Amino acid sequence: MQGFSSPEEWSKLDNPLEAVVQKSSQDVIVSAYQNAMEKLIASKINIKLKKKTGETFDASVIMVPVAYQGYLFALHYISSIC
């Protein structure tokens, strides 16, 4: 969806948040992540994401906290908004 060839390519970015989330949406997604990890609150947000090329697109993100074997994860379900 965002043009990266693998999770490894994405993980090598100096600032992954800045690379894939438009600046105007960064506070929104960080807040949703904090709510998931600290308060176990799921959310659905609409944000602007960036492709590897720098092109932006509107996306809907459902973020769900999940506990597994003593670890807490925030699953992200991302879909583009046409």
PDB file of N, CA and C in Angstrom:
ATOM      1  N   MET A   1       0.826  -1.197   0.000  1.00  0.00           N
ATOM      2  CA  MET A   1       0.000   0.000   0.000  1.00  0.00           C
ATOM      3  C   MET A   1       0.869   1.259   0.000  1.00  0.00           C
ATOM      4  N   GLN A   2       1.994   1.190   0.707  1.00  0.00           N
ATOM      5  CA  GLN A   2       2.816   2.382   0.803  1.00  0.00           C
ATOM      6  C   GLN A   2       4.107   2.277  -0.003  1.00  0.00           C
ATOM      7  N   GLY A   3       4.322   1.149  -0.663  1.00  0.00           N
ATOM      8  CA  GLY A   3       5.419   1.022  -1.604  1.00  0.00           C
ATOM      9  C   GLY A   3       6.716   0.447  -1.065  1.00  0.00           C
ATOM     10  N   PHE A   4       6.728  -0.018   0.173  1.00  0.00           N
ATOM     11  CA  PHE A   4       7.940  -0.636   0.720  1.00  0.00           C
ATOM     12  C   PHE A   4       7.959  -2.106   0.321  1.00  0.00           C
ATOM     13  N   SER A   5       9.149  -2.609  -0.010  1.00  0.00           N
ATOM     14  CA  SER A   5       9.247  -3.978  -0.505  1.00  0.00           C
ATOM     15  C   SER A   5       9.156  -5.022   0.603  1.00  0.00           C
ATOM     16  N   SER A   6       9.418  -4.599   1.855  1.00  0.00           N
ATOM     17  CA  SER A   6       9.390  -5.557   2.958  1.00  0.00           C
ATOM     18  C   SER A   6       9.319  -4.807   4.289  1.00  0.00           C
ATOM     19  N   PRO A   7       8.920  -5.503   5.350  1.00  0.00           N
ATOM     20  CA  PRO A   7       8.964  -4.875   6.681  1.00  0.00           C
ATOM     21  C   PRO A   7      10.399  -4.465   7.051  1.00  0.00           C
ATOM     22  N   GLU A   8      11.376  -5.227   6.592  1.00  0.00           N
ATOM     23  CA  GLU A   8      12.773  -4.903   6.884  1.00  0.00           C
ATOM     24  C   GLU A   8      13.176  -3.560   6.277  1.00  0.00           C
ATOM     25  N   GLU A   9      12.716  -3.299   5.051  1.00  0.00           N
ATOM     26  CA  GLU A   9      13.018  -2.013   4.415  1.00  0.00           C
ATOM     27  C   GLU A   9      12.426  -0.877   5.231  1.00  0.00           C
ATOM     28  N   TRP A  10      11.181  -1.039   5.648  1.00  0.00           N
ATOM     29  CA  TRP A  10      10.514  -0.008   6.460  1.00  0.00           C
ATOM     30  C   TRP A  10      11.232   0.178   7.794  1.00  0.00           C
ATOM     31  N   SER A  11      11.678  -0.912   8.414  1.00  0.00           N
ATOM     32  CA  SER A  11      12.300  -0.831   9.739  1.00  0.00           C
ATOM     33  C   SER A  11      13.657  -0.136   9.718  1.00  0.00           C
ATOM     34  N   LYS A  12      14.259  -0.006   8.559  1.00  0.00           N
ATOM     35  CA  LYS A  12      15.564   0.654   8.452  1.00  0.00           C
ATOM     36  C   LYS A  12      15.462   2.174   8.328  1.00  0.00           C
ATOM     37  N   LEU A  13      14.242   2.704   8.256  1.00  0.00           N
ATOM     38  CA  LEU A  13      14.067   4.153   8.147  1.00  0.00           C
ATOM     39  C   LEU A  13      14.502   4.831   9.441  1.00  0.00           C
ATOM     40  N   ASP A  14      15.110   6.002   9.324  1.00  0.00           N
ATOM     41  CA  ASP A  14      15.540   6.753  10.503  1.00  0.00           C
ATOM     42  C   ASP A  14      14.353   7.168  11.365  1.00  0.00           C
ATOM     43  N   ASN A  15      13.279   7.604  10.739  1.00  0.00           N
ATOM     44  CA  ASN A  15      12.088   8.036  11.469  1.00  0.00           C
ATOM     45  C   ASN A  15      10.858   7.464  10.757  1.00  0.00           C
ATOM     46  N   PRO A  16      10.470   6.216  11.070  1.00  0.00           N
ATOM     47  CA  PRO A  16       9.364   5.569  10.349  1.00  0.00           C
ATOM     48  C   PRO A  16       8.046   6.350  10.425  1.00  0.00           C
ATOM     49  N   LEU A  17       7.744   6.944  11.574  1.00  0.00           N
ATOM     50  CA  LEU A  17       6.491   7.698  11.704  1.00  0.00           C
ATOM     51  C   LEU A  17       6.462   8.845  10.710  1.00  0.00           C
ATOM     52  N   GLU A  18       7.529   9.617  10.674  1.00  0.00           N
ATOM     53  CA  GLU A  18       7.595  10.761   9.768  1.00  0.00           C
ATOM     54  C   GLU A  18       7.600  10.324   8.305  1.00  0.00           C
ATOM     55  N   ALA A  19       8.179   9.159   8.040  1.00  0.00           N
ATOM     56  CA  ALA A  19       8.278   8.673   6.664  1.00  0.00           C
ATOM     57  C   ALA A  19       6.943   8.204   6.100  1.00  0.00           C
ATOM     58  N   VAL A  20       6.029   7.701   6.961  1.00  0.00           N
ATOM     59  CA  VAL A  20       4.797   7.113   6.433  1.00  0.00           C
ATOM     60  C   VAL A  20       3.512   7.810   6.864  1.00  0.00           C
ATOM     61  N   VAL A  21       3.592   8.764   7.798  1.00  0.00           N
ATOM     62  CA  VAL A  21       2.395   9.483   8.250  1.00  0.00           C
ATOM     63  C   VAL A  21       2.603  10.975   8.013  1.00  0.00           C
ATOM     64  N   GLN A  22       1.659  11.605   7.320  1.00  0.00           N
ATOM     65  CA  GLN A  22       1.757  13.038   7.074  1.00  0.00           C
ATOM     66  C   GLN A  22       1.783  13.772   8.405  1.00  0.00           C
ATOM     67  N   LYS A  23       2.552  14.844   8.480  1.00  0.00           N
ATOM     68  CA  LYS A  23       2.756  15.588   9.724  1.00  0.00           C
ATOM     69  C   LYS A  23       1.440  15.956  10.406  1.00  0.00           C
ATOM     70  N   SER A  24       0.448  16.362   9.653  1.00  0.00           N
ATOM     71  CA  SER A  24      -0.837  16.781  10.232  1.00  0.00           C
ATOM     72  C   SER A  24      -1.586  15.630  10.902  1.00  0.00           C
ATOM     73  N   SER A  25      -1.207  14.381  10.616  1.00  0.00           N
ATOM     74  CA  SER A  25      -1.880  13.215  11.197  1.00  0.00           C
ATOM     75  C   SER A  25      -1.058  12.519  12.277  1.00  0.00           C
ATOM     76  N   GLN A  26       0.164  12.956  12.501  1.00  0.00           N
ATOM     77  CA  GLN A  26       1.036  12.254  13.433  1.00  0.00           C
ATOM     78  C   GLN A  26       0.512  12.275  14.869  1.00  0.00           C
ATOM     79  N   ASP A  27       0.019  13.418  15.346  1.00  0.00           N
ATOM     80  CA  ASP A  27      -0.509  13.480  16.712  1.00  0.00           C
ATOM     81  C   ASP A  27      -1.708  12.556  16.893  1.00  0.00           C
ATOM     82  N   VAL A  28      -2.534  12.456  15.860  1.00  0.00           N
ATOM     83  CA  VAL A  28      -3.734  11.611  15.926  1.00  0.00           C
ATOM     84  C   VAL A  28      -3.355  10.139  16.078  1.00  0.00           C
ATOM     85  N   ILE A  29      -2.420   9.671  15.269  1.00  0.00           N
ATOM     86  CA  ILE A  29      -2.075   8.255  15.326  1.00  0.00           C
ATOM     87  C   ILE A  29      -1.268   7.927  16.590  1.00  0.00           C
ATOM     88  N   VAL A  30      -0.442   8.851  17.039  1.00  0.00           N
ATOM     89  CA  VAL A  30       0.299   8.629  18.285  1.00  0.00           C
ATOM     90  C   VAL A  30      -0.662   8.553  19.461  1.00  0.00           C
ATOM     91  N   SER A  31      -1.657   9.418  19.493  1.00  0.00           N
ATOM     92  CA  SER A  31      -2.658   9.394  20.566  1.00  0.00           C
ATOM     93  C   SER A  31      -3.448   8.086  20.559  1.00  0.00           C
ATOM     94  N   ALA A  32      -3.834   7.625  19.387  1.00  0.00           N
ATOM     95  CA  ALA A  32      -4.568   6.358  19.281  1.00  0.00           C
ATOM     96  C   ALA A  32      -3.697   5.202  19.765  1.00  0.00           C
ATOM     97  N   TYR A  33      -2.424   5.227  19.416  1.00  0.00           N
ATOM     98  CA  TYR A  33      -1.499   4.174  19.852  1.00  0.00           C
ATOM     99  C   TYR A  33      -1.337   4.198  21.375  1.00  0.00           C
ATOM    100  N   GLN A  34      -1.176   5.392  21.945  1.00  0.00           N
ATOM    101  CA  GLN A  34      -1.045   5.507  23.398  1.00  0.00           C
ATOM    102  C   GLN A  34      -2.305   5.002  24.100  1.00  0.00           C
ATOM    103  N   ASN A  35      -3.479   5.328  23.571  1.00  0.00           N
ATOM    104  CA  ASN A  35      -4.732   4.837  24.155  1.00  0.00           C
ATOM    105  C   ASN A  35      -4.804   3.316  24.103  1.00  0.00           C
ATOM    106  N   ALA A  36      -4.340   2.737  23.013  1.00  0.00           N
ATOM    107  CA  ALA A  36      -4.362   1.278  22.890  1.00  0.00           C
ATOM    108  C   ALA A  36      -3.406   0.629  23.887  1.00  0.00           C
ATOM    109  N   MET A  37      -2.208   1.165  24.001  1.00  0.00           N
ATOM    110  CA  MET A  37      -1.181   0.534  24.823  1.00  0.00           C
ATOM    111  C   MET A  37      -1.310   0.852  26.315  1.00  0.00           C
ATOM    112  N   GLU A  38      -1.809   2.029  26.647  1.00  0.00           N
ATOM    113  CA  GLU A  38      -1.878   2.438  28.054  1.00  0.00           C
ATOM    114  C   GLU A  38      -3.255   2.219  28.682  1.00  0.00           C
ATOM    115  N   LYS A  39      -4.318   2.352  27.863  1.00  0.00           N
ATOM    116  CA  LYS A  39      -5.675   2.277  28.408  1.00  0.00           C
ATOM    117  C   LYS A  39      -6.492   1.121  27.832  1.00  0.00           C
ATOM    118  N   LEU A  40      -5.880   0.354  26.920  1.00  0.00           N
ATOM    119  CA  LEU A  40      -6.553  -0.763  26.242  1.00  0.00           C
ATOM    120  C   LEU A  40      -7.814  -0.315  25.513  1.00  0.00           C
ATOM    121  N   ILE A  41      -7.728   0.844  24.865  1.00  0.00           N
ATOM    122  CA  ILE A  41      -8.858   1.412  24.124  1.00  0.00           C
ATOM    123  C   ILE A  41      -8.608   1.248  22.626  1.00  0.00           C
ATOM    124  N   ALA A  42      -9.547   0.614  21.932  1.00  0.00           N
ATOM    125  CA  ALA A  42      -9.475   0.499  20.473  1.00  0.00           C
ATOM    126  C   ALA A  42      -9.990   1.793  19.855  1.00  0.00           C
ATOM    127  N   SER A  43      -9.591   2.056  18.617  1.00  0.00           N
ATOM    128  CA  SER A  43     -10.063   3.268  17.956  1.00  0.00           C
ATOM    129  C   SER A  43     -10.097   3.078  16.447  1.00  0.00           C
ATOM    130  N   LYS A  44     -10.865   3.943  15.822  1.00  0.00           N
ATOM    131  CA  LYS A  44     -10.894   4.029  14.359  1.00  0.00           C
ATOM    132  C   LYS A  44     -10.645   5.490  14.022  1.00  0.00           C
ATOM    133  N   ILE A  45      -9.600   5.737  13.243  1.00  0.00           N
ATOM    134  CA  ILE A  45      -9.232   7.104  12.907  1.00  0.00           C
ATOM    135  C   ILE A  45      -9.051   7.233  11.400  1.00  0.00           C
ATOM    136  N   ASN A  46      -9.251   8.432  10.901  1.00  0.00           N
ATOM    137  CA  ASN A  46      -8.983   8.751   9.506  1.00  0.00           C
ATOM    138  C   ASN A  46      -7.777   9.676   9.479  1.00  0.00           C
ATOM    139  N   ILE A  47      -6.759   9.275   8.729  1.00  0.00           N
ATOM    140  CA  ILE A  47      -5.521  10.040   8.681  1.00  0.00           C
ATOM    141  C   ILE A  47      -4.998  10.103   7.256  1.00  0.00           C
ATOM    142  N   LYS A  48      -3.932  10.872   7.074  1.00  0.00           N
ATOM    143  CA  LYS A  48      -3.234  10.918   5.785  1.00  0.00           C
ATOM    144  C   LYS A  48      -1.917  10.169   5.938  1.00  0.00           C
ATOM    145  N   LEU A  49      -1.716   9.193   5.063  1.00  0.00           N
ATOM    146  CA  LEU A  49      -0.470   8.434   5.044  1.00  0.00           C
ATOM    147  C   LEU A  49       0.349   8.835   3.830  1.00  0.00           C
ATOM    148  N   LYS A  50       1.630   8.483   3.866  1.00  0.00           N
ATOM    149  CA  LYS A  50       2.531   8.767   2.754  1.00  0.00           C
ATOM    150  C   LYS A  50       3.047   7.465   2.152  1.00  0.00           C
ATOM    151  N   LYS A  51       3.161   7.485   0.854  1.00  0.00           N
ATOM    152  CA  LYS A  51       3.800   6.379   0.151  1.00  0.00           C
ATOM    153  C   LYS A  51       5.307   6.602   0.160  1.00  0.00           C
ATOM    154  N   LYS A  52       6.040   5.586  -0.205  1.00  0.00           N
ATOM    155  CA  LYS A  52       7.491   5.674  -0.282  1.00  0.00           C
ATOM    156  C   LYS A  52       7.921   6.813  -1.204  1.00  0.00           C
ATOM    157  N   THR A  53       7.121   7.105  -2.203  1.00  0.00           N
ATOM    158  CA  THR A  53       7.417   8.168  -3.165  1.00  0.00           C
ATOM    159  C   THR A  53       7.154   9.563  -2.616  1.00  0.00           C
ATOM    160  N   GLY A  54       6.484   9.656  -1.463  1.00  0.00           N
ATOM    161  CA  GLY A  54       6.124  10.954  -0.887  1.00  0.00           C
ATOM    162  C   GLY A  54       4.693  11.350  -1.168  1.00  0.00           C
ATOM    163  N   GLU A  55       4.052  10.666  -2.101  1.00  0.00           N
ATOM    164  CA  GLU A  55       2.643  10.932  -2.408  1.00  0.00           C
ATOM    165  C   GLU A  55       1.792  10.578  -1.185  1.00  0.00           C
ATOM    166  N   THR A  56       0.756  11.390  -0.916  1.00  0.00           N
ATOM    167  CA  THR A  56      -0.096  11.126   0.242  1.00  0.00           C
ATOM    168  C   THR A  56      -1.437  10.540  -0.194  1.00  0.00           C
ATOM    169  N   PHE A  57      -2.091   9.852   0.749  1.00  0.00           N
ATOM    170  CA  PHE A  57      -3.432   9.332   0.496  1.00  0.00           C
ATOM    171  C   PHE A  57      -4.185   9.248   1.814  1.00  0.00           C
ATOM    172  N   ASP A  58      -5.507   9.317   1.729  1.00  0.00           N
ATOM    173  CA  ASP A  58      -6.361   9.218   2.904  1.00  0.00           C
ATOM    174  C   ASP A  58      -6.518   7.757   3.289  1.00  0.00           C
ATOM    175  N   ALA A  59      -6.458   7.506   4.596  1.00  0.00           N
ATOM    176  CA  ALA A  59      -6.574   6.133   5.078  1.00  0.00           C
ATOM    177  C   ALA A  59      -7.425   6.072   6.333  1.00  0.00           C
ATOM    178  N   SER A  60      -8.058   4.941   6.508  1.00  0.00           N
ATOM    179  CA  SER A  60      -8.795   4.643   7.731  1.00  0.00           C
ATOM    180  C   SER A  60      -7.983   3.592   8.485  1.00  0.00           C
ATOM    181  N   VAL A  61      -7.748   3.844   9.782  1.00  0.00           N
ATOM    182  CA  VAL A  61      -6.963   2.924  10.598  1.00  0.00           C
ATOM    183  C   VAL A  61      -7.807   2.480  11.788  1.00  0.00           C
ATOM    184  N   ILE A  62      -7.970   1.186  11.923  1.00  0.00           N
ATOM    185  CA  ILE A  62      -8.588   0.621  13.120  1.00  0.00           C
ATOM    186  C   ILE A  62      -7.431   0.068  13.947  1.00  0.00           C
ATOM    187  N   MET A  63      -7.307   0.551  15.166  1.00  0.00           N
ATOM    188  CA  MET A  63      -6.224   0.123  16.042  1.00  0.00           C
ATOM    189  C   MET A  63      -6.818  -0.614  17.234  1.00  0.00           C
ATOM    190  N   VAL A  64      -6.344  -1.832  17.450  1.00  0.00           N
ATOM    191  CA  VAL A  64      -6.915  -2.705  18.477  1.00  0.00           C
ATOM    192  C   VAL A  64      -5.812  -3.225  19.403  1.00  0.00           C
ATOM    193  N   PRO A  65      -5.966  -3.010  20.712  1.00  0.00           N
ATOM    194  CA  PRO A  65      -4.987  -3.581  21.628  1.00  0.00           C
ATOM    195  C   PRO A  65      -5.243  -5.075  21.814  1.00  0.00           C
ATOM    196  N   VAL A  66      -4.170  -5.868  21.797  1.00  0.00           N
ATOM    197  CA  VAL A  66      -4.279  -7.311  21.970  1.00  0.00           C
ATOM    198  C   VAL A  66      -3.163  -7.759  22.910  1.00  0.00           C
ATOM    199  N   ALA A  67      -3.543  -8.521  23.945  1.00  0.00           N
ATOM    200  CA  ALA A  67      -2.555  -9.093  24.861  1.00  0.00           C
ATOM    201  C   ALA A  67      -2.338 -10.556  24.479  1.00  0.00           C
ATOM    202  N   TYR A  68      -1.065 -10.969  24.429  1.00  0.00           N
ATOM    203  CA  TYR A  68      -0.740 -12.346  24.085  1.00  0.00           C
ATOM    204  C   TYR A  68       0.508 -12.760  24.844  1.00  0.00           C
ATOM    205  N   GLN A  69       0.384 -13.795  25.626  1.00  0.00           N
ATOM    206  CA  GLN A  69       1.483 -14.364  26.404  1.00  0.00           C
ATOM    207  C   GLN A  69       2.266 -13.299  27.175  1.00  0.00           C
ATOM    208  N   GLY A  70       1.527 -12.402  27.797  1.00  0.00           N
ATOM    209  CA  GLY A  70       2.140 -11.371  28.625  1.00  0.00           C
ATOM    210  C   GLY A  70       2.644 -10.153  27.878  1.00  0.00           C
ATOM    211  N   TYR A  71       2.461 -10.109  26.575  1.00  0.00           N
ATOM    212  CA  TYR A  71       2.888  -8.964  25.770  1.00  0.00           C
ATOM    213  C   TYR A  71       1.659  -8.237  25.250  1.00  0.00           C
ATOM    214  N   LEU A  72       1.764  -6.920  25.114  1.00  0.00           N
ATOM    215  CA  LEU A  72       0.674  -6.110  24.589  1.00  0.00           C
ATOM    216  C   LEU A  72       1.064  -5.581  23.217  1.00  0.00           C
ATOM    217  N   PHE A  73       0.177  -5.752  22.261  1.00  0.00           N
ATOM    218  CA  PHE A  73       0.384  -5.294  20.893  1.00  0.00           C
ATOM    219  C   PHE A  73      -0.755  -4.364  20.503  1.00  0.00           C
ATOM    220  N   ALA A  74      -0.499  -3.505  19.546  1.00  0.00           N
ATOM    221  CA  ALA A  74      -1.562  -2.689  18.963  1.00  0.00           C
ATOM    222  C   ALA A  74      -1.661  -3.082  17.486  1.00  0.00           C
ATOM    223  N   LEU A  75      -2.658  -3.892  17.155  1.00  0.00           N
ATOM    224  CA  LEU A  75      -2.853  -4.299  15.772  1.00  0.00           C
ATOM    225  C   LEU A  75      -3.420  -3.126  14.983  1.00  0.00           C
ATOM    226  N   HIS A  76      -2.925  -2.928  13.782  1.00  0.00           N
ATOM    227  CA  HIS A  76      -3.371  -1.844  12.915  1.00  0.00           C
ATOM    228  C   HIS A  76      -4.015  -2.455  11.667  1.00  0.00           C
ATOM    229  N   TYR A  77      -5.248  -2.130  11.422  1.00  0.00           N
ATOM    230  CA  TYR A  77      -5.947  -2.523  10.186  1.00  0.00           C
ATOM    231  C   TYR A  77      -6.066  -1.254   9.359  1.00  0.00           C
ATOM    232  N   ILE A  78      -5.384  -1.217   8.245  1.00  0.00           N
ATOM    233  CA  ILE A  78      -5.309   0.006   7.440  1.00  0.00           C
ATOM    234  C   ILE A  78      -5.975  -0.220   6.103  1.00  0.00           C
ATOM    235  N   SER A  79      -6.829   0.707   5.711  1.00  0.00           N
ATOM    236  CA  SER A  79      -7.429   0.676   4.373  1.00  0.00           C
ATOM    237  C   SER A  79      -7.427   2.074   3.796  1.00  0.00           C
ATOM    238  N   SER A  80      -7.225   2.145   2.498  1.00  0.00           N
ATOM    239  CA  SER A  80      -7.239   3.463   1.855  1.00  0.00           C
ATOM    240  C   SER A  80      -8.682   3.908   1.675  1.00  0.00           C
ATOM    241  N   ILE A  81      -8.884   5.203   1.714  1.00  0.00           N
ATOM    242  CA  ILE A  81     -10.210   5.790   1.526  1.00  0.00           C
ATOM    243  C   ILE A  81     -10.237   6.367   0.123  1.00  0.00           C
ATOM    244  N   CYS A  82     -11.113   5.862  -0.701  1.00  0.00           N
ATOM    245  CA  CYS A  82     -11.184   6.329  -2.097  1.00  0.00           C
ATOM    246  C   CYS A  82     -11.993   7.590  -2.220  1.00  0.00           C
TER     247      CYS A  82
END
